[in-house]
Protein backbone atom coordinates (compact mmCIF):
# COMPACT_ATOMS: atom_id res chain seq x y z
CA UNK A 1 -29.27 -29.80 81.64
CA UNK A 2 -27.83 -33.19 80.49
CA UNK A 3 -29.71 -35.22 78.26
CA UNK A 4 -30.51 -38.65 79.19
CA UNK A 5 -32.29 -40.38 76.20
CA UNK A 6 -35.51 -40.79 74.14
CA UNK A 7 -38.37 -42.05 75.58
CA UNK A 8 -41.76 -43.48 74.12
CA UNK A 9 -44.97 -43.97 76.10
CA UNK A 10 -47.74 -46.52 74.24
CA UNK A 11 -51.10 -47.72 74.61
CA UNK A 12 -51.52 -49.32 71.14
CA UNK A 13 -51.83 -52.41 69.13
CA UNK A 14 -48.71 -54.32 68.11
CA UNK A 15 -50.30 -54.29 64.49
CA UNK A 16 -53.04 -51.37 63.55
CA UNK A 17 -56.75 -52.80 63.85
CA UNK A 18 -57.34 -51.35 59.88
CA UNK A 19 -54.33 -54.06 58.83
CA UNK A 20 -56.43 -56.93 60.56
CA UNK A 21 -59.33 -55.65 59.21
CA UNK A 22 -58.32 -55.65 55.74
CA UNK A 23 -57.07 -59.19 55.64
CA UNK A 24 -58.76 -62.76 55.29
CA UNK A 25 -60.21 -64.22 58.39
CA UNK A 26 -58.48 -67.44 58.61
CA UNK A 27 -55.15 -65.53 58.53
CA UNK A 28 -56.34 -62.65 60.78
CA UNK A 29 -57.06 -66.05 63.40
CA UNK A 30 -53.68 -66.89 63.07
CA UNK A 31 -52.59 -63.46 63.45
CA UNK A 32 -54.62 -62.94 67.01
CA UNK A 33 -51.55 -63.55 69.17
CA UNK A 34 -50.28 -60.25 67.80
CA UNK A 35 -53.14 -57.93 67.50
CA UNK A 36 -52.93 -57.57 71.70
CA UNK A 37 -52.00 -54.01 72.87
CA UNK A 38 -49.20 -52.62 74.31
CA UNK A 39 -49.28 -50.59 77.51
CA UNK A 40 -45.41 -49.03 77.93
CA UNK A 41 -43.63 -46.89 80.12
CA UNK A 42 -40.10 -45.12 80.81
CA UNK A 43 -38.19 -46.37 83.86
CA UNK A 44 -35.33 -44.37 84.83
CA UNK A 45 -32.91 -45.85 87.96
CA UNK A 46 -31.09 -42.78 89.33
CA UNK A 47 -28.58 -43.74 91.84
CA UNK A 48 -26.92 -40.80 94.04
CA UNK A 49 -23.53 -41.50 94.85
CA UNK A 50 -22.57 -38.56 97.30
CA UNK A 51 -23.07 -38.97 101.20
CA UNK A 52 -25.91 -35.73 101.01
CA UNK A 53 -29.11 -35.48 99.96
CA UNK A 54 -29.41 -33.56 96.10
CA UNK A 55 -32.45 -32.87 94.73
CA UNK A 56 -32.80 -33.46 90.63
CA UNK A 57 -35.16 -32.29 88.26
CA UNK A 58 -36.17 -34.35 85.26
CA UNK A 59 -37.35 -32.46 82.38
CA UNK A 60 -39.53 -34.38 79.48
CA UNK A 61 -39.54 -32.28 76.30
CA UNK A 62 -42.26 -33.36 73.74
CA UNK A 63 -43.77 -32.17 70.36
CA UNK A 64 -47.03 -33.58 70.57
CA UNK A 65 -49.19 -34.24 72.66
CA UNK A 66 -48.02 -32.54 75.95
CA UNK A 67 -47.34 -34.38 79.17
CA UNK A 68 -49.62 -32.77 81.01
CA UNK A 69 -49.96 -34.18 84.99
CA UNK A 70 -53.31 -32.57 85.17
CA UNK A 71 -54.65 -34.55 82.37
CA UNK A 72 -54.81 -37.94 84.26
CA UNK A 73 -53.35 -39.22 81.19
CA UNK A 74 -50.32 -40.47 82.77
CA UNK A 75 -48.73 -41.38 86.10
CA UNK A 76 -45.84 -40.55 87.40
CA UNK A 77 -44.46 -42.56 90.37
CA UNK A 78 -41.06 -42.98 92.87
CA UNK A 79 -40.30 -46.43 93.76
CA UNK A 80 -39.61 -47.95 96.28
CA UNK A 81 -41.84 -45.53 98.45
CA UNK A 82 -45.01 -45.43 95.60
CA UNK A 83 -44.57 -41.90 95.93
CA UNK A 84 -46.61 -40.27 93.67
CA UNK A 85 -44.66 -37.22 91.68
CA UNK A 86 -46.52 -34.16 90.48
CA UNK A 87 -44.80 -32.37 87.42
CA UNK A 88 -45.58 -29.27 85.98
CA UNK A 89 -45.66 -27.64 82.48
CA UNK A 90 -43.04 -24.84 82.73
CA UNK A 91 -42.20 -23.91 79.28
CA UNK A 92 -43.81 -23.90 75.90
CA UNK A 93 -41.61 -22.85 73.01
CA UNK A 94 -43.04 -21.09 70.14
CA UNK A 95 -42.70 -24.72 67.46
CA UNK A 96 -45.28 -26.04 70.11
CA UNK A 97 -42.60 -28.13 72.14
CA UNK A 98 -43.26 -28.29 75.63
CA UNK A 99 -41.32 -29.48 78.94
CA UNK A 100 -42.34 -31.43 81.66
CA UNK A 101 -40.33 -30.91 84.92
CA UNK A 102 -40.70 -33.31 87.85
CA UNK A 103 -38.23 -32.88 91.03
CA UNK A 104 -37.11 -35.44 93.05
CA UNK A 105 -35.08 -35.88 96.23
CA UNK A 106 -32.74 -38.66 96.47
CA UNK A 107 -30.90 -39.24 99.78
CA UNK A 108 -27.48 -39.81 99.94
CA UNK A 109 -26.21 -42.94 98.44
CA UNK A 110 -29.76 -44.03 98.06
CA UNK A 111 -30.97 -45.21 94.63
CA UNK A 112 -34.83 -44.51 93.41
CA UNK A 113 -36.91 -45.35 90.33
CA UNK A 114 -38.90 -42.96 88.66
CA UNK A 115 -41.81 -44.29 86.38
CA UNK A 116 -43.46 -41.97 83.44
CA UNK A 117 -45.70 -44.22 82.07
CA UNK A 118 -49.53 -44.08 80.78
CA UNK A 119 -52.60 -44.09 83.10
CA UNK A 120 -53.45 -47.52 83.19
CA UNK A 121 -56.28 -47.19 85.88
CA UNK A 122 -58.39 -45.02 82.94
CA UNK A 123 -59.87 -47.79 81.32
CA UNK A 124 -61.19 -45.45 78.42
CA UNK A 125 -57.73 -44.67 77.70
CA UNK A 126 -56.82 -48.69 77.86
CA UNK A 127 -60.29 -49.63 75.37
CA UNK A 128 -59.22 -47.14 72.88
CA UNK A 129 -55.75 -48.05 72.52
CA UNK A 130 -54.86 -44.82 70.77
CA UNK A 131 -52.06 -43.13 72.83
CA UNK A 132 -48.40 -42.53 72.27
CA UNK A 133 -45.93 -39.77 73.44
CA UNK A 134 -42.62 -39.71 72.40
CA UNK A 135 -39.77 -37.39 73.28
CA UNK A 136 -36.52 -36.95 74.95
CA UNK A 137 -35.46 -36.95 78.90
CA UNK A 138 -33.15 -34.66 80.73
CA UNK A 139 -31.82 -34.42 84.29
CA UNK A 140 -30.29 -31.15 86.30
CA UNK A 141 -29.34 -30.62 89.76
CA UNK A 142 -32.41 -28.12 90.70
CA UNK A 143 -31.75 -24.74 91.87
CA UNK A 144 -33.16 -26.19 95.47
CA UNK A 145 -30.21 -28.72 96.21
CA UNK A 146 -28.10 -27.62 98.68
CA UNK A 147 -24.58 -29.34 97.17
CA UNK A 148 -23.66 -27.14 93.91
CA UNK A 149 -22.36 -30.75 92.20
CA UNK A 150 -23.13 -34.05 92.12
CA UNK A 151 -22.40 -37.41 90.55
CA UNK A 152 -24.98 -39.84 89.68
CA UNK A 153 -25.77 -43.15 87.76
CA UNK A 154 -28.85 -43.62 85.77
CA UNK A 155 -30.09 -46.29 83.54
CA UNK A 156 -33.25 -45.41 81.47
CA UNK A 157 -35.36 -48.43 79.92
CA UNK A 158 -38.54 -48.88 78.50
CA UNK A 159 -40.94 -52.16 80.05
CA UNK A 160 -43.99 -52.81 78.50
CA UNK A 161 -47.08 -55.24 79.28
CA UNK A 162 -48.83 -56.88 76.27
CA UNK A 163 -52.53 -57.73 76.65
CA UNK A 164 -55.27 -59.02 75.08
CA UNK A 165 -59.38 -59.04 75.80
CA UNK A 166 -60.19 -57.00 79.18
CA UNK A 167 -63.57 -59.41 79.48
CA UNK A 168 -62.80 -61.97 81.95
CA UNK A 169 -64.86 -64.28 79.93
CA UNK A 170 -61.99 -64.50 77.20
CA UNK A 171 -59.27 -65.27 79.84
CA UNK A 172 -58.71 -69.07 77.75
CA UNK A 173 -58.10 -66.91 74.47
CA UNK A 174 -54.51 -67.34 73.62
CA UNK A 175 -54.82 -63.68 72.47
CA UNK A 176 -55.39 -62.95 76.10
CA UNK A 177 -52.59 -63.93 77.47
CA UNK A 178 -50.32 -61.28 79.12
CA UNK A 179 -46.76 -60.64 78.02
CA UNK A 180 -43.90 -57.79 78.98
CA UNK A 181 -40.72 -56.43 77.27
CA UNK A 182 -38.22 -54.80 78.82
CA UNK A 183 -34.93 -52.73 77.07
CA UNK A 184 -32.41 -50.50 78.13
CA UNK A 185 -32.30 -46.94 76.10
CA UNK A 186 -28.99 -45.78 74.94
CA UNK A 187 -27.76 -43.01 76.70
CA UNK A 188 -26.53 -39.72 75.05
CA UNK A 189 -22.88 -39.79 75.64
CA UNK A 190 -22.60 -43.56 76.01
CA UNK A 191 -21.90 -43.25 80.23
CA UNK A 192 -24.38 -43.47 82.77
CA UNK A 193 -22.27 -42.13 85.13
CA UNK A 194 -22.98 -38.02 85.16
CA UNK A 195 -21.80 -35.57 86.96
CA UNK A 196 -23.98 -32.59 87.77
CA UNK A 197 -23.76 -28.84 88.21
CA UNK A 198 -26.25 -26.55 89.92
CA UNK A 199 -27.21 -23.45 87.48
CA UNK A 200 -26.94 -20.48 89.68
């Protein structure tokens, strides 16, 4: 396996609610734009530099909580097709770290975008705004891949959306305005060009 980068999934306020509740109301009003919630996901662009189809597996390792595709707290998508990719928890270590694997096909000379993010269709998750998962991502050539080696390019990044009230009546409130942030993540080894070797 080749380590790609760390990752962080979030549905959290920019400033903890306790911080705002413990300051004078006039200051809290001025800080209102900073009390928005951020939904942050992990976006990984993968380009297959080979002329034939390959199958790659992405493995996400976390300490706690788990990334469980069955618990409806995360969404995984593969663009541009919009296909939902189902992963599975395949190993738990004694130190309570868990690994979740997603295997995806990439056509020859094609580029895909894998998205791992909180499930924003779950209103309870959005309203609770208390979701965070951190860990690291690895990639390898799956055992079901026909080629034994493959060169790929990877670009990991975080993308986030800030939002305030979900109540339509608050649409004119400055704290309810949407904002976005996107930033590239450092790649382990510093090289986005990876050569994968199939195990077994």
